[in-house]
Structures are given as C-alpha cells and as structure tokens.
C-alpha cells in the first residue's frame, strides 16, 4: 500500500523535478566560447617596456620604457617617437637615424612587457578598476580578477562596450549562462574594452527607496562611485 502510494508520488513529482533542474541550468548544453579575433599588429604605447638591439659591434642593447610623451632615448641619436608605431616601424626609424654613426646597422625592437593595453571593469564587482591586458583574457577571467560580482549584480545583463574610431558597439553577456557551461558570450577582451556589471532589481529598488527616505544623504554622497553606478542604471 505504502509502496504503491510512493510510486504514484514519484510519477507525479518526477516531471516537475526534471523541469525545475532544467530551468536552473543544470542540464544546459556546454557551448564553446567564440573564437578569438586574429591578433592585430601591436602598437607600442606608454609605459611599454622594450628591448632595443643595434648591430654591428660595438653592440648597443638597451632596455627602455616608453615615456608618457611616447618617446624613448637611444644612444647616439637621442629621443625617438615610439608610441603608435609597430616594432618594425620603430626599428626602421632608429636604423635610419643611426646610419650616420653605424653603417649597415641591424636594429631589432621587441616588447618585453606590454603595459599600455588596458580594460576597465566597473559596477557591481568587488574591486572595480582598470586591468593590464598583457595576454589573451576572456570576460569571465576579467570579472574574476576584479574579485567577482557582489550580491547586487545582475548576472544576465552584463555588457562589454567596445569602441574604435569608426564605431561603438555593445556586446551582451550572460554570466549565469557562462557559469553553467554556455561560453557563447565569454568574449575575448580587447584593448579599451569597458565591462559593465549593472545592479539587479533589488539594488535598484533599494537605491530608489534610499533616494526617497534619505534624500540629503544621496546628495552628499553623489560623488561616490557606488552611487554613480546606481544612478547610471
């Protein structure tokens, strides 16, 4: 009698349990992340670290750091503009300038530390701010480097703002899907990307109530980063 009743309950509850588990994403089909774009030709910028080698003997080999004015200093020829150039273009300029002192000079320039490429992560993360983009970094890694999201983050409304001289576009991201294996929005980030983690509905309601109940506190604190982010959404 009891066994028969239990079987009936299982038959009734089974589909509901399966539907609940599927709705929570546990049965989500893993999806690989989008392919990374082909690497663009790297442009030097401040404060990148470079290694400049000039042959023949006597060899000149100098580690240099690109200054805020975009220039580096090289023996015999002084300052050379580096920012905005590729390593090949910079090597060619150095070769041309130093030809007065070294005939048939062979110049090589390599980037030993890329520090000019950055992204920005702000909003509902533990440590908002800029990050150096010195290797291939996907969105989930950048959020992890920012300490992860806080309790007030809207995981399904994250976006990446990407700009270039021609256009600005917004890439939509669902971090909850990424957590369950759907990597289709786990984009590879590019120099200058802005990752925005907006507040969820609870945070927006809380801020609205705070504005109504404590208007003077809102005015006094309007310059803080937390309020600026909340007001933006």
C-alpha atoms as a PDB file:
ATOM      1  CA  UNK A   1       0.000   0.000   0.000  1.00  0.00           C
ATOM      2  CA  UNK A   2       2.691   2.439   1.069  1.00  0.00           C
ATOM      3  CA  UNK A   3       4.972   1.387  -1.800  1.00  0.00           C
ATOM      4  CA  UNK A   4       2.185   1.900  -4.316  1.00  0.00           C
ATOM      5  CA  UNK A   5       1.447   5.384  -2.938  1.00  0.00           C
ATOM      6  CA  UNK A   6       5.144   6.288  -3.099  1.00  0.00           C
ATOM      7  CA  UNK A   7       5.333   5.194  -6.736  1.00  0.00           C
ATOM      8  CA  UNK A   8       2.360   7.391  -7.581  1.00  0.00           C
ATOM      9  CA  UNK A   9       4.060  10.375  -5.917  1.00  0.00           C
ATOM     10  CA  UNK A  10       7.253   9.750  -7.843  1.00  0.00           C
ATOM     11  CA  UNK A  11       5.360   9.638 -11.138  1.00  0.00           C
ATOM     12  CA  UNK A  12       3.686  12.936 -10.298  1.00  0.00           C
ATOM     13  CA  UNK A  13       6.739  14.722  -8.949  1.00  0.00           C
ATOM     14  CA  UNK A  14       9.269  13.327 -11.430  1.00  0.00           C
ATOM     15  CA  UNK A  15       8.417  15.632 -14.363  1.00  0.00           C
ATOM     16  CA  UNK A  16       8.275  18.617 -12.024  1.00  0.00           C
ATOM     17  CA  UNK A  17      11.738  17.880 -10.641  1.00  0.00           C
ATOM     18  CA  UNK A  18      13.166  17.448 -14.138  1.00  0.00           C
ATOM     19  CA  UNK A  19      11.614  20.743 -15.246  1.00  0.00           C
ATOM     20  CA  UNK A  20      12.992  22.519 -12.172  1.00  0.00           C
ATOM     21  CA  UNK A  21      16.526  21.209 -12.683  1.00  0.00           C
ATOM     22  CA  UNK A  22      16.433  22.088 -16.372  1.00  0.00           C
ATOM     23  CA  UNK A  23      15.192  25.599 -15.560  1.00  0.00           C
ATOM     24  CA  UNK A  24      18.072  26.175 -13.152  1.00  0.00           C
ATOM     25  CA  UNK A  25      20.509  25.445 -15.943  1.00  0.00           C
ATOM     26  CA  UNK A  26      21.985  22.210 -14.640  1.00  0.00           C
ATOM     27  CA  UNK A  27      21.105  20.469 -17.907  1.00  0.00           C
ATOM     28  CA  UNK A  28      22.456  23.300 -20.072  1.00  0.00           C
ATOM     29  CA  UNK A  29      24.365  22.034 -23.068  1.00  0.00           C
ATOM     30  CA  UNK A  30      28.015  23.177 -22.958  1.00  0.00           C
ATOM     31  CA  UNK A  31      28.790  25.677 -25.703  1.00  0.00           C
ATOM     32  CA  UNK A  32      32.388  26.626 -26.564  1.00  0.00           C
ATOM     33  CA  UNK A  33      33.451  30.274 -26.351  1.00  0.00           C
ATOM     34  CA  UNK A  34      33.573  32.384 -29.508  1.00  0.00           C
ATOM     35  CA  UNK A  35      36.839  32.203 -31.390  1.00  0.00           C
ATOM     36  CA  UNK A  36      39.380  34.894 -30.632  1.00  0.00           C
ATOM     37  CA  UNK A  37      39.812  37.550 -33.312  1.00  0.00           C
ATOM     38  CA  UNK A  38      43.058  37.387 -35.291  1.00  0.00           C
ATOM     39  CA  UNK A  39      45.762  39.301 -33.428  1.00  0.00           C
ATOM     40  CA  UNK A  40      46.117  42.846 -34.681  1.00  0.00           C
ATOM     41  CA  UNK A  41      49.524  44.324 -35.316  1.00  0.00           C
ATOM     42  CA  UNK A  42      50.669  45.535 -31.916  1.00  0.00           C
ATOM     43  CA  UNK A  43      51.108  49.270 -31.496  1.00  0.00           C
ATOM     44  CA  UNK A  44      53.587  50.450 -28.886  1.00  0.00           C
ATOM     45  CA  UNK A  45      52.390  52.782 -26.154  1.00  0.00           C
ATOM     46  CA  UNK A  46      53.404  54.191 -22.783  1.00  0.00           C
ATOM     47  CA  UNK A  47      54.520  52.624 -20.445  1.00  0.00           C
ATOM     48  CA  UNK A  48      55.522  49.562 -22.508  1.00  0.00           C
ATOM     49  CA  UNK A  49      58.946  48.068 -21.844  1.00  0.00           C
ATOM     50  CA  UNK A  50      61.126  47.481 -24.906  1.00  0.00           C
ATOM     51  CA  UNK A  51      64.468  45.905 -25.710  1.00  0.00           C
ATOM     52  CA  UNK A  52      66.416  47.658 -28.465  1.00  0.00           C
ATOM     53  CA  UNK A  53      69.430  45.903 -30.031  1.00  0.00           C
ATOM     54  CA  UNK A  54      71.724  47.554 -32.601  1.00  0.00           C
ATOM     55  CA  UNK A  55      74.488  45.759 -34.523  1.00  0.00           C
ATOM     56  CA  UNK A  56      77.293  45.619 -35.667  1.00  0.00           C
ATOM     57  CA  UNK A  57      79.972  45.939 -32.997  1.00  0.00           C
ATOM     58  CA  UNK A  58      80.118  47.702 -30.687  1.00  0.00           C
ATOM     59  CA  UNK A  59      76.650  46.354 -29.961  1.00  0.00           C
ATOM     60  CA  UNK A  60      74.090  48.653 -28.388  1.00  0.00           C
ATOM     61  CA  UNK A  61      71.485  46.774 -26.355  1.00  0.00           C
ATOM     62  CA  UNK A  62      69.211  48.804 -24.148  1.00  0.00           C
ATOM     63  CA  UNK A  63      66.058  48.026 -22.153  1.00  0.00           C
ATOM     64  CA  UNK A  64      63.885  51.135 -22.337  1.00  0.00           C
ATOM     65  CA  UNK A  65      60.475  52.218 -21.072  1.00  0.00           C
ATOM     66  CA  UNK A  66      58.210  54.323 -23.266  1.00  0.00           C
ATOM     67  CA  UNK A  67      57.763  57.640 -21.506  1.00  0.00           C
ATOM     68  CA  UNK A  68      54.406  59.422 -21.100  1.00  0.00           C
ATOM     69  CA  UNK A  69      55.350  61.643 -24.052  1.00  0.00           C
ATOM     70  CA  UNK A  70      55.552  58.484 -26.187  1.00  0.00           C
ATOM     71  CA  UNK A  71      59.323  58.649 -26.724  1.00  0.00           C
ATOM     72  CA  UNK A  72      62.370  56.571 -25.824  1.00  0.00           C
ATOM     73  CA  UNK A  73      66.043  57.548 -25.618  1.00  0.00           C
ATOM     74  CA  UNK A  74      68.687  55.700 -27.645  1.00  0.00           C
ATOM     75  CA  UNK A  75      72.472  56.062 -27.518  1.00  0.00           C
ATOM     76  CA  UNK A  76      73.970  58.368 -30.174  1.00  0.00           C
ATOM     77  CA  UNK A  77      70.632  59.599 -31.570  1.00  0.00           C
ATOM     78  CA  UNK A  78      68.668  60.752 -28.510  1.00  0.00           C
ATOM     79  CA  UNK A  79      64.865  60.714 -28.383  1.00  0.00           C
ATOM     80  CA  UNK A  80      62.789  58.666 -30.823  1.00  0.00           C
ATOM     81  CA  UNK A  81      58.991  58.573 -31.059  1.00  0.00           C
ATOM     82  CA  UNK A  82      57.728  55.074 -30.167  1.00  0.00           C
ATOM     83  CA  UNK A  83      54.013  55.382 -29.318  1.00  0.00           C
ATOM     84  CA  UNK A  84      51.601  54.396 -32.045  1.00  0.00           C
ATOM     85  CA  UNK A  85      54.220  52.500 -34.013  1.00  0.00           C
ATOM     86  CA  UNK A  86      54.856  48.825 -34.584  1.00  0.00           C
ATOM     87  CA  UNK A  87      58.194  47.358 -33.538  1.00  0.00           C
ATOM     88  CA  UNK A  88      59.199  47.142 -37.231  1.00  0.00           C
ATOM     89  CA  UNK A  89      58.410  50.820 -37.813  1.00  0.00           C
ATOM     90  CA  UNK A  90      60.346  51.882 -34.727  1.00  0.00           C
ATOM     91  CA  UNK A  91      63.323  49.713 -35.704  1.00  0.00           C
ATOM     92  CA  UNK A  92      63.318  51.292 -39.184  1.00  0.00           C
ATOM     93  CA  UNK A  93      63.313  54.815 -37.744  1.00  0.00           C
ATOM     94  CA  UNK A  94      66.181  54.003 -35.376  1.00  0.00           C
ATOM     95  CA  UNK A  95      68.128  52.391 -38.243  1.00  0.00           C
ATOM     96  CA  UNK A  96      67.712  55.499 -40.389  1.00  0.00           C
ATOM     97  CA  UNK A  97      68.777  57.900 -37.631  1.00  0.00           C
ATOM     98  CA  UNK A  98      71.779  55.866 -36.505  1.00  0.00           C
ATOM     99  CA  UNK A  99      73.121  55.296 -40.034  1.00  0.00           C
ATOM    100  CA  UNK A 100      75.301  58.380 -39.587  1.00  0.00           C
ATOM    101  CA  UNK A 101      77.212  56.540 -36.874  1.00  0.00           C
ATOM    102  CA  UNK A 102      76.836  52.867 -37.853  1.00  0.00           C
ATOM    103  CA  UNK A 103      76.845  51.801 -41.479  1.00  0.00           C
ATOM    104  CA  UNK A 104      74.601  48.859 -42.380  1.00  0.00           C
ATOM    105  CA  UNK A 105      73.129  48.855 -38.897  1.00  0.00           C
ATOM    106  CA  UNK A 106      70.833  45.978 -37.967  1.00  0.00           C
ATOM    107  CA  UNK A 107      68.180  47.106 -35.495  1.00  0.00           C
ATOM    108  CA  UNK A 108      65.686  44.903 -33.660  1.00  0.00           C
ATOM    109  CA  UNK A 109      62.991  46.082 -31.260  1.00  0.00           C
ATOM    110  CA  UNK A 110      60.985  43.718 -29.075  1.00  0.00           C
ATOM    111  CA  UNK A 111      58.274  44.309 -26.490  1.00  0.00           C
ATOM    112  CA  UNK A 112      59.327  42.738 -23.197  1.00  0.00           C
ATOM    113  CA  UNK A 113      56.330  43.944 -21.174  1.00  0.00           C
ATOM    114  CA  UNK A 114      53.049  45.192 -22.629  1.00  0.00           C
ATOM    115  CA  UNK A 115      51.549  47.676 -20.192  1.00  0.00           C
ATOM    116  CA  UNK A 116      49.721  50.101 -22.459  1.00  0.00           C
ATOM    117  CA  UNK A 117      46.763  47.824 -23.325  1.00  0.00           C
ATOM    118  CA  UNK A 118      44.088  48.035 -20.643  1.00  0.00           C
ATOM    119  CA  UNK A 119      40.461  47.213 -19.971  1.00  0.00           C
ATOM    120  CA  UNK A 120      38.102  48.614 -17.353  1.00  0.00           C
ATOM    121  CA  UNK A 121      35.686  46.623 -15.179  1.00  0.00           C
ATOM    122  CA  UNK A 122      33.193  48.584 -13.087  1.00  0.00           C
ATOM    123  CA  UNK A 123      29.792  48.317 -11.497  1.00  0.00           C
ATOM    124  CA  UNK A 124      28.782  45.538  -9.123  1.00  0.00           C
ATOM    125  CA  UNK A 125      32.168  43.836  -8.679  1.00  0.00           C
ATOM    126  CA  UNK A 126      34.364  43.597  -5.610  1.00  0.00           C
ATOM    127  CA  UNK A 127      37.343  45.538  -6.994  1.00  0.00           C
ATOM    128  CA  UNK A 128      36.321  47.781  -9.905  1.00  0.00           C
ATOM    129  CA  UNK A 129      39.081  49.429 -11.900  1.00  0.00           C
ATOM    130  CA  UNK A 130      41.483  49.053 -14.807  1.00  0.00           C
ATOM    131  CA  UNK A 131      43.413  45.886 -15.661  1.00  0.00           C
ATOM    132  CA  UNK A 132      46.500  45.488 -17.838  1.00  0.00           C
ATOM    133  CA  UNK A 133      45.732  43.376 -20.891  1.00  0.00           C
ATOM    134  CA  UNK A 134      49.073  41.593 -21.242  1.00  0.00           C
ATOM    135  CA  UNK A 135      47.674  38.273 -22.507  1.00  0.00           C
ATOM    136  CA  UNK A 136      44.526  36.857 -24.053  1.00  0.00           C
ATOM    137  CA  UNK A 137      41.802  37.473 -21.480  1.00  0.00           C
ATOM    138  CA  UNK A 138      38.153  36.482 -21.653  1.00  0.00           C
ATOM    139  CA  UNK A 139      35.342  38.272 -19.895  1.00  0.00           C
ATOM    140  CA  UNK A 140      34.912  35.738 -17.082  1.00  0.00           C
ATOM    141  CA  UNK A 141      38.636  35.999 -16.287  1.00  0.00           C
ATOM    142  CA  UNK A 142      38.460  39.796 -16.101  1.00  0.00           C
ATOM    143  CA  UNK A 143      35.490  39.673 -13.711  1.00  0.00           C
ATOM    144  CA  UNK A 144      37.338  37.079 -11.634  1.00  0.00           C
ATOM    145  CA  UNK A 145      40.398  39.355 -11.492  1.00  0.00           C
ATOM    146  CA  UNK A 146      38.083  42.102 -10.202  1.00  0.00           C
ATOM    147  CA  UNK A 147      37.165  39.862  -7.260  1.00  0.00           C
ATOM    148  CA  UNK A 148      33.977  38.537  -8.842  1.00  0.00           C
ATOM    149  CA  UNK A 149      30.494  40.002  -8.682  1.00  0.00           C
ATOM    150  CA  UNK A 150      28.787  41.104  -5.481  1.00  0.00           C
ATOM    151  CA  UNK A 151      25.292  40.215  -4.259  1.00  0.00           C
ATOM    152  CA  UNK A 152      23.707  43.112  -6.152  1.00  0.00           C
ATOM    153  CA  UNK A 153      24.984  42.207  -9.641  1.00  0.00           C
ATOM    154  CA  UNK A 154      22.604  41.458 -12.489  1.00  0.00           C
ATOM    155  CA  UNK A 155      24.404  38.462 -13.991  1.00  0.00           C
ATOM    156  CA  UNK A 156      22.197  38.331 -17.080  1.00  0.00           C
ATOM    157  CA  UNK A 157      22.648  41.988 -18.103  1.00  0.00           C
ATOM    158  CA  UNK A 158      26.418  42.387 -18.194  1.00  0.00           C
ATOM    159  CA  UNK A 159      27.750  44.146 -21.261  1.00  0.00           C
ATOM    160  CA  UNK A 160      31.030  44.971 -22.949  1.00  0.00           C
ATOM    161  CA  UNK A 161      31.335  48.417 -24.534  1.00  0.00           C
ATOM    162  CA  UNK A 162      33.854  48.306 -27.386  1.00  0.00           C
ATOM    163  CA  UNK A 163      34.868  51.420 -29.303  1.00  0.00           C
ATOM    164  CA  UNK A 164      37.132  52.270 -32.204  1.00  0.00           C
ATOM    165  CA  UNK A 165      37.434  55.410 -34.348  1.00  0.00           C
ATOM    166  CA  UNK A 166      34.685  54.122 -36.663  1.00  0.00           C
ATOM    167  CA  UNK A 167      32.025  52.815 -34.261  1.00  0.00           C
ATOM    168  CA  UNK A 168      30.994  51.855 -30.757  1.00  0.00           C
ATOM    169  CA  UNK A 169      29.190  48.579 -30.156  1.00  0.00           C
ATOM    170  CA  UNK A 170      27.768  46.839 -27.110  1.00  0.00           C
ATOM    171  CA  UNK A 171      28.204  43.090 -26.576  1.00  0.00           C
ATOM    172  CA  UNK A 172      25.602  41.464 -24.316  1.00  0.00           C
ATOM    173  CA  UNK A 173      26.818  38.917 -21.793  1.00  0.00           C
ATOM    174  CA  UNK A 174      25.014  36.419 -19.573  1.00  0.00           C
ATOM    175  CA  UNK A 175      27.397  35.389 -16.809  1.00  0.00           C
ATOM    176  CA  UNK A 176      24.887  32.924 -15.398  1.00  0.00           C
ATOM    177  CA  UNK A 177      24.899  31.002 -18.699  1.00  0.00           C
ATOM    178  CA  UNK A 178      28.697  31.036 -18.660  1.00  0.00           C
ATOM    179  CA  UNK A 179      28.668  29.530 -15.163  1.00  0.00           C
ATOM    180  CA  UNK A 180      26.562  26.627 -16.478  1.00  0.00           C
ATOM    181  CA  UNK A 181      28.774  25.908 -19.469  1.00  0.00           C
ATOM    182  CA  UNK A 182      27.356  28.122 -22.214  1.00  0.00           C
ATOM    183  CA  UNK A 183      30.506  30.039 -23.187  1.00  0.00           C
ATOM    184  CA  UNK A 184      29.000  31.730 -26.254  1.00  0.00           C
ATOM    185  CA  UNK A 185      29.197  35.187 -24.616  1.00  0.00           C
ATOM    186  CA  UNK A 186      32.551  34.682 -22.909  1.00  0.00           C
ATOM    187  CA  UNK A 187      34.233  37.097 -25.318  1.00  0.00           C
ATOM    188  CA  UNK A 188      37.940  37.706 -25.680  1.00  0.00           C
ATOM    189  CA  UNK A 189      38.506  41.257 -24.485  1.00  0.00           C
ATOM    190  CA  UNK A 190      40.361  43.885 -26.485  1.00  0.00           C
ATOM    191  CA  UNK A 191      42.322  46.999 -25.597  1.00  0.00           C
ATOM    192  CA  UNK A 192      39.979  49.728 -24.375  1.00  0.00           C
ATOM    193  CA  UNK A 193      37.006  47.453 -23.643  1.00  0.00           C
ATOM    194  CA  UNK A 194      34.715  48.535 -20.805  1.00  0.00           C
ATOM    195  CA  UNK A 195      32.977  45.752 -18.870  1.00  0.00           C
ATOM    196  CA  UNK A 196      29.811  46.981 -17.154  1.00  0.00           C
ATOM    197  CA  UNK A 197      28.208  44.886 -14.397  1.00  0.00           C
ATOM    198  CA  UNK A 198      24.873  46.617 -13.653  1.00  0.00           C
ATOM    199  CA  UNK A 199      22.853  46.340 -10.438  1.00  0.00           C
ATOM    200  CA  UNK A 200      19.996  43.881 -10.176  1.00  0.00           C
ATOM    201  CA  UNK A 201      16.358  44.751  -9.457  1.00  0.00           C
ATOM    202  CA  UNK A 202      16.834  44.522  -5.677  1.00  0.00           C
ATOM    203  CA  UNK A 203      19.690  47.035  -5.788  1.00  0.00           C
ATOM    204  CA  UNK A 204      17.725  49.444  -7.993  1.00  0.00           C
ATOM    205  CA  UNK A 205      14.707  49.297  -5.698  1.00  0.00           C
ATOM    206  CA  UNK A 206      16.954  49.804  -2.686  1.00  0.00           C
ATOM    207  CA  UNK A 207      18.553  52.858  -4.213  1.00  0.00           C
ATOM    208  CA  UNK A 208      15.136  54.290  -5.137  1.00  0.00           C
ATOM    209  CA  UNK A 209      13.951  53.849  -1.550  1.00  0.00           C
ATOM    210  CA  UNK A 210      17.124  55.401  -0.239  1.00  0.00           C
ATOM    211  CA  UNK A 211      16.616  58.405  -2.516  1.00  0.00           C
ATOM    212  CA  UNK A 212      13.092  58.862  -1.162  1.00  0.00           C
ATOM    213  CA  UNK A 213      13.808  58.225   2.512  1.00  0.00           C
ATOM    214  CA  UNK A 214      17.244  59.848   2.757  1.00  0.00           C
ATOM    215  CA  UNK A 215      17.417  62.496   0.013  1.00  0.00           C
ATOM    216  CA  UNK A 216      20.115  64.580   1.717  1.00  0.00           C
ATOM    217  CA  UNK A 217      22.390  61.597   2.185  1.00  0.00           C
ATOM    218  CA  UNK A 218      22.078  60.871  -1.555  1.00  0.00           C
ATOM    219  CA  UNK A 219      23.059  64.429  -2.420  1.00  0.00           C
ATOM    220  CA  UNK A 220      26.033  64.376  -0.061  1.00  0.00           C
ATOM    221  CA  UNK A 221      27.216  61.033  -1.410  1.00  0.00           C
ATOM    222  CA  UNK A 222      26.535  61.680  -5.082  1.00  0.00           C
ATOM    223  CA  UNK A 223      30.224  61.785  -5.857  1.00  0.00           C
ATOM    224  CA  UNK A 224      30.899  58.252  -4.666  1.00  0.00           C
ATOM    225  CA  UNK A 225      31.454  55.514  -7.212  1.00  0.00           C
ATOM    226  CA  UNK A 226      28.655  53.306  -5.875  1.00  0.00           C
ATOM    227  CA  UNK A 227      26.013  55.977  -6.323  1.00  0.00           C
ATOM    228  CA  UNK A 228      27.326  56.963  -9.709  1.00  0.00           C
ATOM    229  CA  UNK A 229      26.964  53.408 -10.931  1.00  0.00           C
ATOM    230  CA  UNK A 230      23.496  53.064  -9.408  1.00  0.00           C
ATOM    231  CA  UNK A 231      22.311  56.316 -10.951  1.00  0.00           C
ATOM    232  CA  UNK A 232      23.567  55.197 -14.350  1.00  0.00           C
ATOM    233  CA  UNK A 233      21.065  52.387 -14.329  1.00  0.00           C
END
